[in-house]
Amino acid sequence: MSASRRAAVLGSPIAHSLSPVLHRAAYEELGLTDWSYDRFEVDEVALPDFLAGLGPEWAGLSLTMPLKRVVIPLLDTISDTAASVEAVNTVVLTEDGHKVGDNTDIPGMVAALAERGIDKVESAAILGAGATASSALAALSRICTGEIVAYVRSDARAAEMREWGERLDVDVKIGKWSDAARALTAPLVVATTPAGTTDALAADIPERPGTLFDVLYDPWPTQLAARWSGYGGAVVSGLDLLVHQAVLQVEQMTGRAPAPLGAMRRAGERALAA
């Protein structure tokens, strides 16, 4: 009989995380009855001791805020994808005890869009300039052939986005948040802002909108997403992103592929409905 394996999601706050629901659904579908997946409230101060205390039964970790950057010096190596945005959301613990960091948010975004038939766009707009926006920019660098405009609230945020653009070799143009309604005419709009921030933009959706990728999943739909759908535009949700990045995590941690995307999405939908 094989030894039991463990995985978990870490962050602070963490009680809201859907990751346990998604990963446990994958384990059940894959027949991994000896695997467990938990959540732990861990902040920047507690992270080093938590990592140091992991035993050989541990296979991997999912990381959320505020740990995605502070974890990097504590790892043995990180992937090029994670290095490109200085953010790790996945740690795989190898048999020889190494801690390997990766970022599945970026390919997760690309996969979520590809599922809706979007693998190339001529231009795109990003609403916001936080940590998620840098991952969005990295994802767009893989599929956008033309202009990318980021609409931001401050000069400091504008400088950050330009810096990420230089690192990712992407020509990012900056728009003022007061002009954010202009973003809605782009073929692809990625909203990375907190809940409620884009509500006021819902009145400015064009008659024939393109695709909206709204990274929120609770509450859902956002006012922007609901009205976007009402106008016939395609909408990709934060749950789509969460599921696709979790699929990649499951595959890396368990070594089993493909992970059961459908079962994981249904589990997430049931949890949100409840």
Protein backbone atom coordinates (compact mmCIF):
# COMPACT_ATOMS: atom_id res chain seq x y z
CA MET A 1 0.00 0.00 0.00
CA SER A 2 1.43 3.41 -1.00
CA ALA A 3 2.15 6.07 1.59
CA SER A 4 -0.34 8.91 1.86
CA ARG A 5 0.54 12.20 0.18
CA ARG A 6 -0.31 15.72 1.25
CA ALA A 7 -0.86 19.06 -0.46
CA ALA A 8 -2.39 22.35 0.66
CA VAL A 9 -3.07 25.99 -0.14
CA LEU A 10 -1.38 28.66 1.97
CA GLY A 11 -2.20 32.34 2.35
CA SER A 12 -3.74 34.99 4.53
CA PRO A 13 -6.70 35.27 4.54
CA ILE A 14 -7.36 31.74 3.31
CA ALA A 15 -10.81 30.67 4.55
CA HIS A 16 -12.44 31.74 1.27
CA SER A 17 -10.17 29.63 -0.96
CA LEU A 18 -11.83 27.21 -3.39
CA SER A 19 -8.58 25.34 -3.98
CA PRO A 20 -9.41 22.48 -1.56
CA VAL A 21 -12.72 21.90 -3.37
CA LEU A 22 -11.02 21.76 -6.77
CA HIS A 23 -8.04 19.62 -5.79
CA ARG A 24 -10.10 17.14 -3.76
CA ALA A 25 -12.48 16.73 -6.71
CA ALA A 26 -9.48 15.93 -8.89
CA TYR A 27 -8.13 13.38 -6.40
CA GLU A 28 -11.52 11.66 -6.24
CA GLU A 29 -11.81 11.50 -10.02
CA LEU A 30 -8.25 10.21 -10.39
CA GLY A 31 -8.73 7.56 -7.70
CA LEU A 32 -6.07 9.10 -5.44
CA THR A 33 -7.73 7.97 -2.23
CA ASP A 34 -4.50 8.32 -0.25
CA TRP A 35 -4.09 12.01 -1.11
CA SER A 36 -5.30 14.92 1.04
CA TYR A 37 -5.49 18.64 0.36
CA ASP A 38 -5.96 21.23 3.12
CA ARG A 39 -5.79 24.98 3.69
CA PHE A 40 -3.53 26.78 6.17
CA GLU A 41 -3.55 30.38 7.33
CA VAL A 42 0.08 31.36 6.75
CA ASP A 43 1.46 34.88 6.41
CA GLU A 44 4.90 36.16 5.39
CA VAL A 45 6.33 35.78 8.88
CA ALA A 46 5.15 32.19 9.36
CA LEU A 47 6.07 30.94 5.87
CA PRO A 48 9.76 30.03 6.44
CA ASP A 49 8.98 27.82 9.46
CA PHE A 50 6.05 26.20 7.66
CA LEU A 51 8.23 25.24 4.69
CA ALA A 52 11.02 24.03 6.93
CA GLY A 53 8.62 21.73 8.76
CA LEU A 54 7.34 19.86 5.70
CA GLY A 55 8.01 16.12 5.74
CA PRO A 56 8.48 13.63 2.89
CA GLU A 57 4.73 13.04 2.65
CA TRP A 58 4.27 16.52 1.16
CA ALA A 59 3.89 16.72 -2.63
CA GLY A 60 3.08 20.35 -3.21
CA LEU A 61 1.62 23.70 -2.20
CA SER A 62 -0.64 26.28 -3.78
CA LEU A 63 0.13 29.85 -2.75
CA THR A 64 -2.10 32.88 -2.68
CA MET A 65 -1.55 36.39 -1.39
CA PRO A 66 0.59 37.57 0.31
CA LEU A 67 3.06 34.74 -0.35
CA LYS A 68 3.60 34.67 -4.10
CA ARG A 69 6.73 36.84 -4.03
CA VAL A 70 8.13 36.34 -0.53
CA VAL A 71 8.39 32.59 -1.12
CA ILE A 72 10.94 32.93 -3.92
CA PRO A 73 14.12 33.20 -1.75
CA LEU A 74 12.96 30.11 0.18
CA LEU A 75 12.90 27.86 -2.90
CA ASP A 76 15.65 25.88 -4.61
CA THR A 77 14.61 26.97 -8.10
CA ILE A 78 11.75 28.62 -9.98
CA SER A 79 10.52 28.31 -13.54
CA ASP A 80 11.11 30.92 -16.22
CA THR A 81 7.37 31.62 -16.19
CA ALA A 82 7.42 32.44 -12.48
CA ALA A 83 10.60 34.47 -12.84
CA SER A 84 9.06 36.58 -15.61
CA VAL A 85 6.57 38.13 -13.17
CA GLU A 86 8.41 37.41 -9.90
CA ALA A 87 5.42 35.45 -8.61
CA VAL A 88 5.10 31.80 -7.56
CA ASN A 89 1.68 30.25 -6.96
CA THR A 90 2.80 26.60 -7.09
CA VAL A 91 5.50 24.74 -5.18
CA VAL A 92 6.31 21.15 -6.05
CA LEU A 93 8.31 19.13 -3.52
CA THR A 94 10.51 16.60 -5.30
CA GLU A 95 11.59 13.18 -4.03
CA ASP A 96 15.08 14.49 -3.33
CA GLY A 97 13.70 17.25 -1.11
CA HIS A 98 13.92 20.20 -3.49
CA LYS A 99 11.29 22.93 -3.55
CA VAL A 100 10.51 24.01 -7.12
CA GLY A 101 8.38 27.08 -7.78
CA ASP A 102 6.16 27.74 -10.78
CA ASN A 103 3.39 30.08 -11.87
CA THR A 104 0.29 28.38 -13.28
CA ASP A 105 -1.76 31.58 -13.35
CA ILE A 106 -0.19 32.66 -16.64
CA PRO A 107 -0.72 29.42 -18.63
CA GLY A 108 -4.05 29.08 -16.81
CA MET A 109 -5.21 32.37 -18.31
CA VAL A 110 -4.04 31.29 -21.76
CA ALA A 111 -5.83 27.93 -21.39
CA ALA A 112 -9.06 29.54 -20.13
CA LEU A 113 -9.14 31.78 -23.20
CA ALA A 114 -8.22 28.94 -25.56
CA GLU A 115 -11.15 26.93 -24.19
CA ARG A 116 -13.39 29.70 -25.55
CA GLY A 117 -11.62 29.61 -28.91
CA ILE A 118 -9.39 32.61 -28.26
CA ASP A 119 -5.77 31.83 -29.04
CA LYS A 120 -4.88 35.05 -30.90
CA VAL A 121 -6.11 38.64 -30.62
CA GLU A 122 -5.05 41.73 -32.51
CA SER A 123 -5.22 44.01 -29.47
CA ALA A 124 -6.23 43.92 -25.82
CA ALA A 125 -6.89 46.11 -22.79
CA ILE A 126 -6.18 45.51 -19.11
CA LEU A 127 -8.21 47.14 -16.36
CA GLY A 128 -6.00 47.56 -13.30
CA ALA A 129 -2.31 47.27 -12.52
CA GLY A 130 -1.88 45.01 -9.50
CA ALA A 131 -0.22 41.61 -9.19
CA THR A 132 -2.89 39.90 -11.29
CA ALA A 133 -2.40 42.49 -14.02
CA SER A 134 1.25 41.50 -14.40
CA SER A 135 0.20 37.87 -14.92
CA ALA A 136 -2.44 39.04 -17.39
CA LEU A 137 0.22 40.98 -19.27
CA ALA A 138 2.44 37.89 -19.40
CA ALA A 139 -0.47 35.82 -20.71
CA LEU A 140 -1.32 38.45 -23.33
CA SER A 141 2.31 38.49 -24.47
CA ARG A 142 1.67 34.94 -25.72
CA ILE A 143 -1.53 35.60 -27.67
CA CYS A 144 -1.78 39.31 -28.52
CA THR A 145 -0.18 40.36 -31.80
CA GLY A 146 -0.75 44.11 -31.42
CA GLU A 147 -1.38 46.90 -28.95
CA ILE A 148 -1.99 46.32 -25.23
CA VAL A 149 -3.33 49.23 -23.19
CA ALA A 150 -3.44 49.16 -19.39
CA TYR A 151 -5.85 51.54 -17.66
CA VAL A 152 -4.53 52.51 -14.23
CA ARG A 153 -5.32 54.87 -11.36
CA SER A 154 -1.93 56.40 -10.56
CA ASP A 155 1.46 57.33 -11.98
CA ALA A 156 3.07 54.76 -9.69
CA ARG A 157 0.90 51.99 -11.14
CA ALA A 158 1.65 53.23 -14.64
CA ALA A 159 5.37 52.99 -13.93
CA GLU A 160 4.94 49.44 -12.62
CA MET A 161 3.11 48.33 -15.75
CA ARG A 162 5.75 49.87 -18.00
CA GLU A 163 8.41 48.03 -16.01
CA TRP A 164 6.56 44.73 -16.43
CA GLY A 165 6.21 45.45 -20.12
CA GLU A 166 9.96 45.92 -20.46
CA ARG A 167 10.66 42.70 -18.56
CA LEU A 168 8.20 40.77 -20.71
CA ASP A 169 9.28 42.51 -23.92
CA VAL A 170 5.76 43.85 -24.44
CA ASP A 171 4.97 47.38 -25.61
CA VAL A 172 2.39 48.49 -23.05
CA LYS A 173 0.55 51.74 -23.50
CA ILE A 174 -0.93 53.42 -20.44
CA GLY A 175 -4.41 54.91 -20.19
CA LYS A 176 -5.92 56.92 -17.35
CA TRP A 177 -8.63 55.24 -15.30
CA SER A 178 -10.91 58.15 -16.13
CA ASP A 179 -10.73 56.93 -19.75
CA ALA A 180 -11.29 53.26 -18.87
CA ALA A 181 -14.51 53.10 -20.89
CA ARG A 182 -12.31 53.17 -24.00
CA ALA A 183 -10.97 49.76 -22.98
CA LEU A 184 -14.35 48.16 -23.64
CA THR A 185 -13.97 48.50 -27.42
CA ALA A 186 -10.92 46.20 -27.47
CA PRO A 187 -11.37 42.67 -28.86
CA LEU A 188 -10.24 41.32 -25.47
CA VAL A 189 -10.67 43.10 -22.13
CA VAL A 190 -9.05 41.67 -18.99
CA ALA A 191 -10.50 43.06 -15.75
CA THR A 192 -8.11 42.50 -12.83
CA THR A 193 -9.59 44.93 -10.30
CA PRO A 194 -11.29 44.23 -6.93
CA ALA A 195 -15.04 43.67 -6.65
CA GLY A 196 -17.13 46.71 -7.49
CA THR A 197 -14.37 48.64 -9.22
CA THR A 198 -15.70 48.13 -12.75
CA ASP A 199 -19.41 48.48 -11.94
CA ALA A 200 -19.55 52.02 -13.26
CA LEU A 201 -18.21 50.86 -16.63
CA ALA A 202 -21.18 48.56 -17.27
CA ALA A 203 -23.13 51.45 -18.80
CA ASP A 204 -20.42 51.99 -21.44
CA ILE A 205 -20.34 48.53 -23.03
CA PRO A 206 -20.50 48.82 -26.84
CA GLU A 207 -23.35 47.27 -28.81
CA ARG A 208 -21.11 44.50 -30.12
CA PRO A 209 -18.58 43.72 -27.41
CA GLY A 210 -15.71 41.30 -27.88
CA THR A 211 -14.50 39.07 -25.03
CA LEU A 212 -14.35 40.01 -21.36
CA PHE A 213 -12.04 38.10 -19.02
CA ASP A 214 -13.09 39.10 -15.50
CA VAL A 215 -10.78 37.46 -12.95
CA LEU A 216 -13.36 37.66 -10.12
CA TYR A 217 -15.51 34.65 -9.23
CA ASP A 218 -17.26 35.70 -6.03
CA PRO A 219 -19.55 37.57 -6.23
CA TRP A 220 -20.47 36.43 -9.73
CA PRO A 221 -21.46 37.69 -12.14
CA THR A 222 -20.06 41.17 -11.70
CA GLN A 223 -22.21 43.98 -13.05
CA LEU A 224 -19.79 44.36 -15.95
CA ALA A 225 -19.88 40.64 -16.77
CA ALA A 226 -23.68 40.41 -16.52
CA ARG A 227 -24.28 43.32 -18.84
CA TRP A 228 -21.51 42.16 -21.18
CA SER A 229 -23.26 38.81 -21.59
CA GLY A 230 -26.56 40.64 -22.09
CA TYR A 231 -25.07 42.39 -25.10
CA GLY A 232 -23.97 39.06 -26.53
CA GLY A 233 -20.28 39.32 -25.66
CA ALA A 234 -18.24 36.31 -24.58
CA VAL A 235 -17.28 36.21 -20.90
CA VAL A 236 -14.48 34.23 -19.24
CA SER A 237 -14.74 34.16 -15.46
CA GLY A 238 -12.38 33.99 -12.55
CA LEU A 239 -13.63 30.45 -11.90
CA ASP A 240 -12.41 29.49 -15.38
CA LEU A 241 -8.98 30.84 -14.46
CA LEU A 242 -9.02 29.18 -11.04
CA VAL A 243 -9.90 25.80 -12.51
CA HIS A 244 -7.36 25.92 -15.33
CA GLN A 245 -4.49 26.96 -13.07
CA ALA A 246 -5.53 24.27 -10.56
CA VAL A 247 -5.53 21.64 -13.32
CA LEU A 248 -1.86 22.43 -13.96
CA GLN A 249 -1.11 22.30 -10.24
CA VAL A 250 -2.73 18.89 -9.87
CA GLU A 251 -0.77 17.54 -12.82
CA GLN A 252 2.53 18.85 -11.44
CA MET A 253 1.96 17.68 -7.88
CA THR A 254 0.55 14.23 -8.65
CA GLY A 255 2.29 13.43 -11.92
CA ARG A 256 -1.10 12.41 -13.34
CA ALA A 257 -2.37 13.99 -16.55
CA PRO A 258 -4.75 15.07 -17.77
CA ALA A 259 -6.37 16.35 -14.60
CA PRO A 260 -10.20 16.20 -14.69
CA LEU A 261 -11.10 19.73 -15.74
CA GLY A 262 -14.85 19.07 -15.92
CA ALA A 263 -15.12 17.49 -12.48
CA MET A 264 -13.08 20.29 -10.94
CA ARG A 265 -15.22 22.99 -12.55
CA ARG A 266 -18.46 21.32 -11.44
CA ALA A 267 -17.15 21.09 -7.88
CA GLY A 268 -16.25 24.78 -7.93
CA GLU A 269 -19.67 25.74 -9.30
CA ARG A 270 -21.43 23.72 -6.60
CA ALA A 271 -19.33 25.34 -3.88
CA LEU A 272 -20.06 28.84 -5.15
CA ALA A 273 -23.78 28.09 -5.47
CA ALA A 274 -23.85 26.86 -1.88
